[in-house]
């Protein structure tokens, strides 16, 4: 009996008895199992009869790319470049470009946000100055809201479009099943299968 409750179909039935409704993808994530294995268990239960009812569902899953994870961990390119600019005296543009990681993207975004200004009047390379005292790393905050979430976190449609264009996030369509109890629901699936087989033989 204990060994039967170890099997995935039986475990699904136990979860269904407790909750009344189970999403196959959410269940797989919660118990650390491969989703395809759970789908296989659902198909197995469907073949028994009216034990369960299922409805297909599609979920758009947004995940961080490697660059997105790096930004969530260390900050956006634009904020890191802004912070590299000397608060009082500014910093030569060529120095920023050679010392700050992903400086080209960071500089472009920081200028677009009007965080920085360039002074080309002095001899030598253009000098970059801060245009504002401090900035908020909204990009990092939004990406962090997506970490570990099966939804879209705090990202708006515009955020999703921008971050996908910047290759900070990627999306996948997950096809799952919403499982509910059928008219002949039981948690003793092995016993029921045996009884059905016996009836069919007679």
N, C-alpha and C. Protein backbone atom coordinates (compact mmCIF):
# COMPACT_ATOMS: atom_id res chain seq x y z
N UNK A 1 0.82 -1.21 0.00
CA UNK A 1 0.00 0.00 0.00
C UNK A 1 0.86 1.26 0.00
N UNK A 2 1.87 1.26 0.86
CA UNK A 2 2.74 2.42 0.94
C UNK A 2 3.48 2.63 -0.37
N UNK A 3 3.85 1.49 -1.02
CA UNK A 3 4.59 1.60 -2.27
C UNK A 3 3.72 2.19 -3.37
N UNK A 4 2.39 1.89 -3.32
CA UNK A 4 1.48 2.44 -4.31
C UNK A 4 1.40 3.96 -4.20
N UNK A 5 1.40 4.48 -2.98
CA UNK A 5 1.30 5.93 -2.80
C UNK A 5 2.58 6.62 -3.27
N UNK A 6 3.65 5.85 -3.49
CA UNK A 6 4.89 6.43 -3.99
C UNK A 6 4.78 6.74 -5.49
N UNK A 7 3.89 6.01 -6.23
CA UNK A 7 3.80 6.20 -7.67
C UNK A 7 3.18 7.56 -8.00
N UNK A 8 3.54 8.07 -9.17
CA UNK A 8 3.08 9.40 -9.57
C UNK A 8 1.56 9.47 -9.77
N UNK A 9 0.94 8.50 -10.44
CA UNK A 9 -0.53 8.57 -10.56
C UNK A 9 -1.23 8.60 -9.21
N UNK A 10 -0.79 7.74 -8.28
CA UNK A 10 -1.42 7.71 -6.96
C UNK A 10 -1.16 9.00 -6.19
N UNK A 11 0.05 9.54 -6.34
CA UNK A 11 0.38 10.81 -5.67
C UNK A 11 -0.50 11.93 -6.20
N UNK A 12 -0.76 11.91 -7.51
CA UNK A 12 -1.65 12.90 -8.13
C UNK A 12 -3.06 12.79 -7.57
N UNK A 13 -3.54 11.57 -7.43
CA UNK A 13 -4.89 11.35 -6.89
C UNK A 13 -4.99 11.83 -5.45
N UNK A 14 -3.94 11.60 -4.67
CA UNK A 14 -3.93 12.07 -3.28
C UNK A 14 -4.00 13.60 -3.24
N UNK A 15 -3.23 14.24 -4.13
CA UNK A 15 -3.24 15.71 -4.20
C UNK A 15 -4.61 16.22 -4.62
N UNK A 16 -5.24 15.49 -5.54
CA UNK A 16 -6.56 15.86 -6.04
C UNK A 16 -7.62 15.69 -4.95
N UNK A 17 -7.48 14.64 -4.15
CA UNK A 17 -8.42 14.41 -3.04
C UNK A 17 -8.31 15.53 -2.01
N UNK A 18 -7.09 16.04 -1.84
CA UNK A 18 -6.85 17.09 -0.85
C UNK A 18 -7.27 18.46 -1.35
N UNK A 19 -6.96 18.76 -2.62
CA UNK A 19 -7.16 20.12 -3.14
C UNK A 19 -8.39 20.28 -4.03
N UNK A 20 -8.83 19.20 -4.64
CA UNK A 20 -9.99 19.28 -5.52
C UNK A 20 -9.66 19.70 -6.94
N UNK A 21 -8.50 20.34 -7.12
CA UNK A 21 -8.08 20.83 -8.44
C UNK A 21 -6.56 20.89 -8.47
N UNK A 22 -5.96 20.36 -9.53
CA UNK A 22 -4.50 20.34 -9.64
C UNK A 22 -4.09 20.77 -11.04
N UNK A 23 -3.12 21.68 -11.13
CA UNK A 23 -2.51 22.06 -12.40
C UNK A 23 -1.25 21.21 -12.57
N UNK A 24 -1.15 20.48 -13.67
CA UNK A 24 -0.04 19.53 -13.85
C UNK A 24 1.33 20.20 -13.79
N UNK A 25 1.45 21.41 -14.38
CA UNK A 25 2.75 22.09 -14.38
C UNK A 25 3.11 22.59 -12.99
N UNK A 26 2.13 23.20 -12.32
CA UNK A 26 2.37 23.70 -10.96
C UNK A 26 2.69 22.54 -10.02
N UNK A 27 2.01 21.41 -10.21
CA UNK A 27 2.25 20.24 -9.38
C UNK A 27 3.68 19.72 -9.60
N UNK A 28 4.07 19.59 -10.87
CA UNK A 28 5.42 19.10 -11.20
C UNK A 28 6.48 19.99 -10.56
N UNK A 29 6.28 21.30 -10.63
CA UNK A 29 7.22 22.25 -10.03
C UNK A 29 7.28 22.09 -8.52
N UNK A 30 6.12 21.92 -7.89
CA UNK A 30 6.06 21.85 -6.42
C UNK A 30 6.70 20.59 -5.86
N UNK A 31 6.65 19.49 -6.63
CA UNK A 31 7.22 18.23 -6.11
C UNK A 31 8.57 17.90 -6.74
N UNK A 32 9.07 18.81 -7.60
CA UNK A 32 10.39 18.62 -8.20
C UNK A 32 10.44 17.49 -9.21
N UNK A 33 9.35 17.29 -9.96
CA UNK A 33 9.32 16.25 -10.98
C UNK A 33 9.27 16.87 -12.37
N UNK A 34 9.72 16.11 -13.36
CA UNK A 34 9.64 16.54 -14.75
C UNK A 34 8.17 16.64 -15.17
N UNK A 35 7.82 17.74 -15.84
CA UNK A 35 6.41 17.95 -16.21
C UNK A 35 5.90 16.86 -17.14
N UNK A 36 6.76 16.39 -18.05
CA UNK A 36 6.34 15.34 -18.98
C UNK A 36 5.99 14.04 -18.25
N UNK A 37 6.70 13.77 -17.14
CA UNK A 37 6.38 12.59 -16.33
C UNK A 37 4.98 12.73 -15.71
N UNK A 38 4.68 13.94 -15.26
CA UNK A 38 3.36 14.19 -14.66
C UNK A 38 2.27 14.07 -15.73
N UNK A 39 2.54 14.59 -16.94
CA UNK A 39 1.58 14.46 -18.05
C UNK A 39 1.34 12.99 -18.36
N UNK A 40 2.41 12.19 -18.32
CA UNK A 40 2.28 10.75 -18.54
C UNK A 40 1.37 10.10 -17.50
N UNK A 41 1.51 10.55 -16.24
CA UNK A 41 0.66 10.04 -15.16
C UNK A 41 -0.80 10.44 -15.39
N UNK A 42 -1.01 11.66 -15.88
CA UNK A 42 -2.37 12.13 -16.18
C UNK A 42 -3.00 11.26 -17.26
N UNK A 43 -2.23 11.00 -18.33
CA UNK A 43 -2.72 10.15 -19.43
C UNK A 43 -3.07 8.75 -18.92
N UNK A 44 -2.23 8.25 -18.03
CA UNK A 44 -2.47 6.93 -17.44
C UNK A 44 -3.79 6.91 -16.68
N UNK A 45 -4.04 7.97 -15.91
CA UNK A 45 -5.29 8.05 -15.13
C UNK A 45 -6.50 8.22 -16.04
N UNK A 46 -6.31 8.95 -17.15
CA UNK A 46 -7.42 9.15 -18.10
C UNK A 46 -7.86 7.83 -18.72
N UNK A 47 -6.90 6.92 -18.89
CA UNK A 47 -7.21 5.64 -19.55
C UNK A 47 -8.04 4.71 -18.67
N UNK A 48 -8.12 4.99 -17.38
CA UNK A 48 -8.85 4.12 -16.45
C UNK A 48 -10.36 4.28 -16.59
N UNK A 49 -10.83 5.47 -16.88
CA UNK A 49 -12.27 5.71 -16.95
C UNK A 49 -12.58 7.13 -16.53
N UNK A 50 -13.61 7.29 -15.71
CA UNK A 50 -14.04 8.63 -15.29
C UNK A 50 -13.48 9.02 -13.93
N UNK A 51 -12.28 8.57 -13.64
CA UNK A 51 -11.66 8.88 -12.34
C UNK A 51 -11.32 10.37 -12.26
N UNK A 52 -10.80 10.91 -13.36
CA UNK A 52 -10.45 12.34 -13.38
C UNK A 52 -11.06 13.01 -14.61
N UNK A 53 -11.19 14.33 -14.52
CA UNK A 53 -11.55 15.15 -15.68
C UNK A 53 -10.38 16.09 -15.93
N UNK A 54 -10.08 16.33 -17.20
CA UNK A 54 -8.94 17.20 -17.53
C UNK A 54 -9.35 18.27 -18.53
N UNK A 55 -8.65 19.37 -18.43
CA UNK A 55 -8.84 20.48 -19.37
C UNK A 55 -7.47 21.04 -19.71
N UNK A 56 -7.18 21.17 -21.01
CA UNK A 56 -5.87 21.68 -21.42
C UNK A 56 -5.76 23.17 -21.16
N UNK A 57 -4.56 23.60 -20.84
CA UNK A 57 -4.32 25.00 -20.50
C UNK A 57 -2.97 25.42 -21.08
N UNK A 58 -2.88 26.65 -21.54
CA UNK A 58 -1.61 27.19 -22.04
C UNK A 58 -1.19 28.36 -21.15
N UNK A 59 0.06 28.34 -20.73
CA UNK A 59 0.59 29.41 -19.89
C UNK A 59 1.86 29.96 -20.52
N UNK A 60 1.95 31.28 -20.58
CA UNK A 60 3.17 31.90 -21.10
C UNK A 60 4.14 32.09 -19.94
N UNK A 61 5.28 31.44 -20.04
CA UNK A 61 6.29 31.50 -18.98
C UNK A 61 7.44 32.40 -19.40
N UNK A 62 7.69 33.43 -18.60
CA UNK A 62 8.80 34.35 -18.88
C UNK A 62 9.97 34.02 -17.96
N UNK A 63 11.16 33.92 -18.54
CA UNK A 63 12.36 33.59 -17.77
C UNK A 63 13.50 34.53 -18.13
N UNK A 64 14.44 34.69 -17.21
CA UNK A 64 15.60 35.53 -17.45
C UNK A 64 16.62 34.79 -18.31
N UNK A 65 17.22 35.52 -19.26
CA UNK A 65 18.36 34.97 -20.00
C UNK A 65 19.59 35.07 -19.09
N UNK A 66 20.73 34.59 -19.57
CA UNK A 66 21.95 34.69 -18.76
C UNK A 66 22.29 36.16 -18.47
N UNK A 67 22.11 37.02 -19.49
CA UNK A 67 22.37 38.46 -19.28
C UNK A 67 21.36 39.05 -18.30
N UNK A 68 20.11 38.60 -18.41
CA UNK A 68 19.08 39.06 -17.48
C UNK A 68 19.39 38.67 -16.05
N UNK A 69 19.89 37.44 -15.86
CA UNK A 69 20.27 36.97 -14.52
C UNK A 69 21.43 37.79 -13.97
N UNK A 70 22.37 38.13 -14.85
CA UNK A 70 23.55 38.91 -14.43
C UNK A 70 23.12 40.30 -13.96
N UNK A 71 22.15 40.90 -14.67
CA UNK A 71 21.64 42.22 -14.30
C UNK A 71 20.86 42.14 -12.99
N UNK A 72 20.05 41.09 -12.84
CA UNK A 72 19.30 40.91 -11.59
C UNK A 72 20.25 40.77 -10.40
N UNK A 73 21.40 40.19 -10.66
CA UNK A 73 22.39 39.97 -9.60
C UNK A 73 23.22 41.22 -9.31
N UNK A 74 23.68 41.90 -10.36
CA UNK A 74 24.67 42.98 -10.19
C UNK A 74 24.19 44.38 -10.55
N UNK A 75 23.02 44.50 -11.16
CA UNK A 75 22.54 45.82 -11.55
C UNK A 75 22.56 46.01 -13.06
N UNK A 76 21.73 46.92 -13.55
CA UNK A 76 21.63 47.16 -15.00
C UNK A 76 22.87 47.85 -15.53
N UNK A 77 23.11 47.70 -16.83
CA UNK A 77 24.29 48.30 -17.47
C UNK A 77 24.28 49.82 -17.31
N UNK A 78 23.08 50.43 -17.44
CA UNK A 78 22.98 51.89 -17.38
C UNK A 78 23.28 52.43 -15.98
N UNK A 79 22.81 51.73 -14.95
CA UNK A 79 23.05 52.18 -13.58
C UNK A 79 24.52 51.98 -13.20
N UNK A 80 25.10 50.87 -13.62
CA UNK A 80 26.51 50.61 -13.30
C UNK A 80 27.41 51.64 -13.98
N UNK A 81 27.04 52.05 -15.20
CA UNK A 81 27.84 53.08 -15.87
C UNK A 81 27.65 54.43 -15.18
N UNK A 82 26.40 54.74 -14.81
CA UNK A 82 26.13 56.00 -14.10
C UNK A 82 26.96 56.09 -12.83
N UNK A 83 27.00 54.99 -12.08
CA UNK A 83 27.74 54.98 -10.81
C UNK A 83 29.25 55.09 -11.00
N UNK A 84 29.72 54.76 -12.21
CA UNK A 84 31.16 54.85 -12.49
C UNK A 84 31.60 56.28 -12.81
N UNK A 85 30.63 57.17 -13.05
CA UNK A 85 30.94 58.57 -13.34
C UNK A 85 31.22 59.31 -12.04
N UNK A 86 32.36 59.98 -11.96
CA UNK A 86 32.72 60.74 -10.77
C UNK A 86 31.67 61.80 -10.48
N UNK A 87 31.16 61.80 -9.26
CA UNK A 87 30.04 62.67 -8.89
C UNK A 87 30.39 64.15 -9.00
N UNK A 88 31.63 64.52 -8.71
CA UNK A 88 32.02 65.94 -8.69
C UNK A 88 32.69 66.39 -9.99
N UNK A 89 33.65 65.61 -10.46
CA UNK A 89 34.48 66.06 -11.58
C UNK A 89 34.17 65.40 -12.92
N UNK A 90 33.23 64.46 -12.93
CA UNK A 90 32.95 63.76 -14.18
C UNK A 90 34.06 62.77 -14.50
N UNK A 91 33.88 62.04 -15.59
CA UNK A 91 34.84 61.02 -16.01
C UNK A 91 34.98 61.06 -17.53
N UNK A 92 36.22 60.95 -18.05
CA UNK A 92 36.40 60.92 -19.50
C UNK A 92 35.59 59.78 -20.14
N UNK A 93 34.96 60.09 -21.26
CA UNK A 93 34.10 59.10 -21.92
C UNK A 93 34.88 57.84 -22.31
N UNK A 94 36.11 58.03 -22.82
CA UNK A 94 36.89 56.87 -23.26
C UNK A 94 37.27 55.96 -22.08
N UNK A 95 37.42 56.56 -20.90
CA UNK A 95 37.74 55.77 -19.70
C UNK A 95 36.54 54.90 -19.30
N UNK A 96 35.34 55.50 -19.37
CA UNK A 96 34.13 54.74 -19.06
C UNK A 96 33.96 53.57 -20.02
N UNK A 97 34.19 53.85 -21.31
CA UNK A 97 33.99 52.83 -22.33
C UNK A 97 34.96 51.66 -22.19
N UNK A 98 36.12 51.93 -21.64
CA UNK A 98 37.13 50.87 -21.54
C UNK A 98 37.11 50.13 -20.21
N UNK A 99 36.46 50.70 -19.20
CA UNK A 99 36.52 50.08 -17.87
C UNK A 99 35.19 49.51 -17.37
N UNK A 100 34.08 50.01 -17.87
CA UNK A 100 32.76 49.55 -17.39
C UNK A 100 32.23 48.43 -18.29
N UNK A 101 31.82 47.30 -17.72
CA UNK A 101 31.26 46.21 -18.53
C UNK A 101 30.01 46.66 -19.28
N UNK A 102 29.88 46.23 -20.54
CA UNK A 102 28.72 46.57 -21.38
C UNK A 102 28.48 48.08 -21.43
N UNK A 103 29.59 48.82 -21.51
CA UNK A 103 29.53 50.28 -21.44
C UNK A 103 28.72 50.91 -22.58
N UNK A 104 28.83 50.34 -23.78
CA UNK A 104 28.14 50.92 -24.94
C UNK A 104 26.63 50.94 -24.72
N UNK A 105 26.09 49.79 -24.28
CA UNK A 105 24.64 49.71 -24.01
C UNK A 105 24.28 50.61 -22.83
N UNK A 106 25.08 50.52 -21.77
CA UNK A 106 24.82 51.31 -20.56
C UNK A 106 24.84 52.80 -20.83
N UNK A 107 25.81 53.24 -21.64
CA UNK A 107 25.93 54.67 -21.95
C UNK A 107 24.73 55.14 -22.76
N UNK A 108 24.35 54.34 -23.76
CA UNK A 108 23.21 54.69 -24.61
C UNK A 108 21.93 54.83 -23.79
N UNK A 109 21.69 53.87 -22.89
CA UNK A 109 20.48 53.90 -22.06
C UNK A 109 20.51 55.05 -21.05
N UNK A 110 21.68 55.28 -20.45
CA UNK A 110 21.81 56.36 -19.46
C UNK A 110 21.59 57.73 -20.11
N UNK A 111 22.09 57.90 -21.33
CA UNK A 111 21.89 59.16 -22.06
C UNK A 111 20.41 59.31 -22.44
N UNK A 112 19.80 58.21 -22.86
CA UNK A 112 18.38 58.23 -23.24
C UNK A 112 17.51 58.60 -22.04
N UNK A 113 17.93 58.16 -20.86
CA UNK A 113 17.20 58.48 -19.62
C UNK A 113 17.52 59.88 -19.08
N UNK A 114 18.44 60.56 -19.77
CA UNK A 114 18.89 61.91 -19.37
C UNK A 114 19.57 61.91 -17.99
N UNK A 115 20.26 60.82 -17.69
CA UNK A 115 21.01 60.73 -16.43
C UNK A 115 22.38 61.39 -16.55
N UNK A 116 22.87 61.48 -17.79
CA UNK A 116 24.23 61.98 -18.02
C UNK A 116 24.23 63.08 -19.07
N UNK A 117 25.31 63.86 -19.06
CA UNK A 117 25.54 64.85 -20.12
C UNK A 117 27.01 64.80 -20.52
N UNK A 118 27.29 65.21 -21.74
CA UNK A 118 28.67 65.18 -22.25
C UNK A 118 29.14 66.61 -22.49
N UNK A 119 30.36 66.88 -22.05
CA UNK A 119 30.99 68.19 -22.28
C UNK A 119 32.16 67.98 -23.24
N UNK A 120 32.02 68.54 -24.45
CA UNK A 120 33.08 68.40 -25.46
C UNK A 120 33.88 69.70 -25.64
N UNK A 121 33.63 70.66 -24.75
CA UNK A 121 34.26 71.97 -24.91
C UNK A 121 35.73 72.00 -24.49
N UNK A 122 36.09 71.14 -23.55
CA UNK A 122 37.48 71.13 -23.05
C UNK A 122 38.38 70.34 -24.00
N UNK A 123 39.69 70.66 -23.99
CA UNK A 123 40.63 69.88 -24.79
C UNK A 123 40.69 68.43 -24.26
N UNK A 124 41.03 67.51 -25.14
CA UNK A 124 41.08 66.11 -24.73
C UNK A 124 39.76 65.41 -25.02
N UNK A 125 39.62 64.20 -24.50
CA UNK A 125 38.39 63.42 -24.76
C UNK A 125 37.17 64.06 -24.10
N UNK A 126 35.98 63.82 -24.65
CA UNK A 126 34.75 64.34 -24.04
C UNK A 126 34.63 63.88 -22.59
N UNK A 127 34.14 64.79 -21.75
CA UNK A 127 33.97 64.49 -20.33
C UNK A 127 32.50 64.22 -20.05
N UNK A 128 32.24 63.15 -19.32
CA UNK A 128 30.86 62.77 -18.99
C UNK A 128 30.55 63.17 -17.55
N UNK A 129 29.43 63.86 -17.36
CA UNK A 129 29.02 64.30 -16.02
C UNK A 129 27.64 63.73 -15.69
N UNK A 130 27.40 63.60 -14.39
CA UNK A 130 26.07 63.19 -13.95
C UNK A 130 25.09 64.35 -14.12
N UNK A 131 23.92 64.04 -14.62
CA UNK A 131 22.88 65.05 -14.82
C UNK A 131 21.91 65.07 -13.64
N UNK A 132 21.92 63.98 -12.87
CA UNK A 132 21.06 63.85 -11.70
C UNK A 132 21.90 63.32 -10.54
N UNK A 133 21.43 63.52 -9.33
CA UNK A 133 22.21 63.09 -8.16
C UNK A 133 22.22 61.58 -7.98
N UNK A 134 21.06 60.97 -8.17
CA UNK A 134 20.96 59.52 -7.98
C UNK A 134 19.90 58.95 -8.92
N UNK A 135 19.96 57.64 -9.12
CA UNK A 135 18.99 56.98 -9.99
C UNK A 135 18.48 55.70 -9.31
N UNK A 136 17.33 55.25 -9.75
CA UNK A 136 16.76 53.99 -9.25
C UNK A 136 16.91 52.94 -10.33
N UNK A 137 17.38 51.77 -9.94
CA UNK A 137 17.58 50.69 -10.92
C UNK A 137 16.27 49.93 -11.13
N UNK A 138 15.39 50.54 -11.92
CA UNK A 138 14.09 49.94 -12.19
C UNK A 138 14.21 48.64 -12.97
N UNK A 139 15.17 48.60 -13.91
CA UNK A 139 15.37 47.39 -14.72
C UNK A 139 15.69 46.20 -13.83
N UNK A 140 16.63 46.40 -12.91
CA UNK A 140 17.01 45.32 -11.99
C UNK A 140 15.83 44.89 -11.12
N UNK A 141 15.08 45.89 -10.62
CA UNK A 141 13.93 45.60 -9.75
C UNK A 141 12.89 44.76 -10.49
N UNK A 142 12.61 45.13 -11.74
CA UNK A 142 11.61 44.41 -12.53
C UNK A 142 12.08 43.00 -12.86
N UNK A 143 13.35 42.86 -13.21
CA UNK A 143 13.89 41.53 -13.53
C UNK A 143 13.88 40.64 -12.29
N UNK A 144 14.17 41.22 -11.14
CA UNK A 144 14.14 40.45 -9.88
C UNK A 144 12.72 39.97 -9.57
N UNK A 145 11.72 40.76 -9.98
CA UNK A 145 10.33 40.37 -9.72
C UNK A 145 9.94 39.16 -10.56
N UNK A 146 10.70 38.91 -11.62
CA UNK A 146 10.41 37.80 -12.52
C UNK A 146 11.09 36.52 -12.07
N UNK A 147 12.14 36.63 -11.27
CA UNK A 147 12.92 35.46 -10.85
C UNK A 147 12.05 34.47 -10.07
N UNK A 148 12.01 33.24 -10.57
CA UNK A 148 11.28 32.20 -9.86
C UNK A 148 9.77 32.27 -10.02
N UNK A 149 9.27 33.22 -10.80
CA UNK A 149 7.83 33.36 -10.98
C UNK A 149 7.39 32.67 -12.27
N UNK A 150 6.24 32.04 -12.25
CA UNK A 150 5.72 31.43 -13.46
C UNK A 150 4.92 32.44 -14.28
N UNK A 151 4.64 33.60 -13.71
CA UNK A 151 3.91 34.64 -14.42
C UNK A 151 4.85 35.68 -15.01
N UNK A 152 4.45 36.94 -14.93
CA UNK A 152 5.23 38.02 -15.53
C UNK A 152 5.78 38.99 -14.48
N UNK A 153 5.68 38.62 -13.20
CA UNK A 153 6.19 39.49 -12.15
C UNK A 153 5.49 40.84 -12.18
N UNK A 154 6.28 41.91 -12.12
CA UNK A 154 5.72 43.27 -12.14
C UNK A 154 5.85 43.93 -13.51
N UNK A 155 6.18 43.14 -14.53
CA UNK A 155 6.44 43.70 -15.85
C UNK A 155 5.16 44.01 -16.62
N UNK A 156 5.12 45.22 -17.20
CA UNK A 156 4.00 45.61 -18.06
C UNK A 156 4.25 45.07 -19.47
N UNK A 157 3.28 45.21 -20.36
CA UNK A 157 3.46 44.78 -21.75
C UNK A 157 4.65 45.50 -22.38
N UNK A 158 4.78 46.79 -22.06
CA UNK A 158 5.89 47.59 -22.60
C UNK A 158 7.24 47.08 -22.08
N UNK A 159 7.29 46.75 -20.78
CA UNK A 159 8.52 46.18 -20.19
C UNK A 159 8.89 44.88 -20.89
N UNK A 160 7.91 44.01 -21.06
CA UNK A 160 8.15 42.71 -21.69
C UNK A 160 8.72 42.89 -23.09
N UNK A 161 8.13 43.82 -23.85
CA UNK A 161 8.58 44.08 -25.22
C UNK A 161 10.01 44.60 -25.23
N UNK A 162 10.30 45.57 -24.34
CA UNK A 162 11.63 46.17 -24.29
C UNK A 162 12.69 45.16 -23.84
N UNK A 163 12.39 44.42 -22.77
CA UNK A 163 13.38 43.48 -22.23
C UNK A 163 13.61 42.29 -23.16
N UNK A 164 12.57 41.91 -23.91
CA UNK A 164 12.74 40.83 -24.88
C UNK A 164 13.64 41.32 -26.02
N UNK A 165 13.44 42.58 -26.44
CA UNK A 165 14.28 43.17 -27.48
C UNK A 165 15.73 43.27 -27.03
N UNK A 166 15.93 43.57 -25.74
CA UNK A 166 17.28 43.65 -25.18
C UNK A 166 17.86 42.27 -24.85
N UNK A 167 17.06 41.24 -25.08
CA UNK A 167 17.46 39.84 -24.83
C UNK A 167 17.79 39.60 -23.36
N UNK A 168 17.01 40.23 -22.49
CA UNK A 168 17.15 40.03 -21.04
C UNK A 168 16.18 38.96 -20.54
N UNK A 169 15.13 38.72 -21.34
CA UNK A 169 14.13 37.71 -20.97
C UNK A 169 13.77 36.89 -22.20
N UNK A 170 13.22 35.73 -21.95
CA UNK A 170 12.74 34.87 -23.04
C UNK A 170 11.42 34.24 -22.59
N UNK A 171 10.58 33.90 -23.54
CA UNK A 171 9.29 33.32 -23.16
C UNK A 171 9.07 31.95 -23.78
N UNK A 172 8.35 31.11 -23.05
CA UNK A 172 8.02 29.76 -23.48
C UNK A 172 6.54 29.52 -23.22
N UNK A 173 5.89 28.81 -24.12
CA UNK A 173 4.49 28.44 -23.91
C UNK A 173 4.45 27.06 -23.26
N UNK A 174 3.89 26.98 -22.07
CA UNK A 174 3.77 25.72 -21.34
C UNK A 174 2.35 25.18 -21.53
N UNK A 175 2.25 23.97 -22.05
CA UNK A 175 0.94 23.31 -22.19
C UNK A 175 0.76 22.35 -21.02
N UNK A 176 -0.23 22.62 -20.21
CA UNK A 176 -0.45 21.79 -19.02
C UNK A 176 -1.91 21.34 -18.96
N UNK A 177 -2.22 20.59 -17.92
CA UNK A 177 -3.59 20.10 -17.71
C UNK A 177 -4.11 20.59 -16.36
N UNK A 178 -5.36 21.02 -16.36
CA UNK A 178 -6.06 21.30 -15.11
C UNK A 178 -6.87 20.04 -14.81
N UNK A 179 -6.58 19.42 -13.68
CA UNK A 179 -7.19 18.13 -13.35
C UNK A 179 -8.19 18.32 -12.21
N UNK A 180 -9.39 17.78 -12.40
CA UNK A 180 -10.41 17.79 -11.34
C UNK A 180 -10.95 16.37 -11.16
N UNK A 181 -11.70 16.18 -10.10
CA UNK A 181 -12.24 14.84 -9.81
C UNK A 181 -13.36 14.48 -10.78
N UNK A 182 -13.30 13.25 -11.30
CA UNK A 182 -14.34 12.76 -12.20
C UNK A 182 -15.47 12.10 -11.42
N UNK A 183 -16.54 11.66 -12.11
CA UNK A 183 -17.69 11.02 -11.46
C UNK A 183 -17.31 9.76 -10.68
N UNK A 184 -16.27 9.05 -11.15
CA UNK A 184 -15.85 7.81 -10.49
C UNK A 184 -14.54 7.99 -9.73
N UNK A 185 -14.34 9.19 -9.20
CA UNK A 185 -13.06 9.49 -8.53
C UNK A 185 -12.80 8.54 -7.36
N UNK A 186 -11.57 8.09 -7.28
CA UNK A 186 -11.11 7.26 -6.16
C UNK A 186 -9.60 7.43 -6.03
N UNK A 187 -9.10 7.22 -4.85
CA UNK A 187 -7.64 7.25 -4.67
C UNK A 187 -7.05 5.85 -4.74
N UNK A 188 -7.93 4.84 -4.85
CA UNK A 188 -7.47 3.45 -4.94
C UNK A 188 -7.49 3.01 -6.40
N UNK A 189 -6.67 3.63 -7.19
CA UNK A 189 -6.70 3.41 -8.63
C UNK A 189 -6.32 1.99 -9.03
N UNK A 190 -5.34 1.40 -8.34
CA UNK A 190 -4.88 0.05 -8.70
C UNK A 190 -6.00 -0.96 -8.46
N UNK A 191 -6.70 -0.80 -7.32
CA UNK A 191 -7.81 -1.69 -6.97
C UNK A 191 -8.93 -1.55 -8.00
N UNK A 192 -9.25 -0.31 -8.35
CA UNK A 192 -10.33 -0.05 -9.30
C UNK A 192 -10.00 -0.65 -10.66
N UNK A 193 -8.74 -0.51 -11.09
CA UNK A 193 -8.32 -1.04 -12.38
C UNK A 193 -8.51 -2.55 -12.40
N UNK A 194 -8.17 -3.21 -11.27
CA UNK A 194 -8.30 -4.66 -11.16
C UNK A 194 -9.76 -5.07 -11.27
N UNK A 195 -10.63 -4.32 -10.57
CA UNK A 195 -12.06 -4.63 -10.59
C UNK A 195 -12.64 -4.46 -11.99
N UNK A 196 -12.22 -3.41 -12.68
CA UNK A 196 -12.70 -3.16 -14.03
C UNK A 196 -12.27 -4.29 -14.96
N UNK A 197 -11.03 -4.72 -14.81
CA UNK A 197 -10.51 -5.79 -15.65
C UNK A 197 -11.30 -7.08 -15.41
N UNK A 198 -11.60 -7.37 -14.14
CA UNK A 198 -12.36 -8.57 -13.79
C UNK A 198 -13.75 -8.55 -14.41
N UNK A 199 -14.40 -7.38 -14.35
CA UNK A 199 -15.74 -7.24 -14.92
C UNK A 199 -15.72 -7.46 -16.43
N UNK A 200 -14.68 -6.93 -17.07
CA UNK A 200 -14.57 -7.05 -18.51
C UNK A 200 -14.36 -8.51 -18.92
N UNK A 201 -13.61 -9.26 -18.10
CA UNK A 201 -13.36 -10.67 -18.40
C UNK A 201 -14.65 -11.47 -18.31
N UNK A 202 -15.49 -11.17 -17.29
CA UNK A 202 -16.76 -11.87 -17.13
C UNK A 202 -17.70 -11.54 -18.30
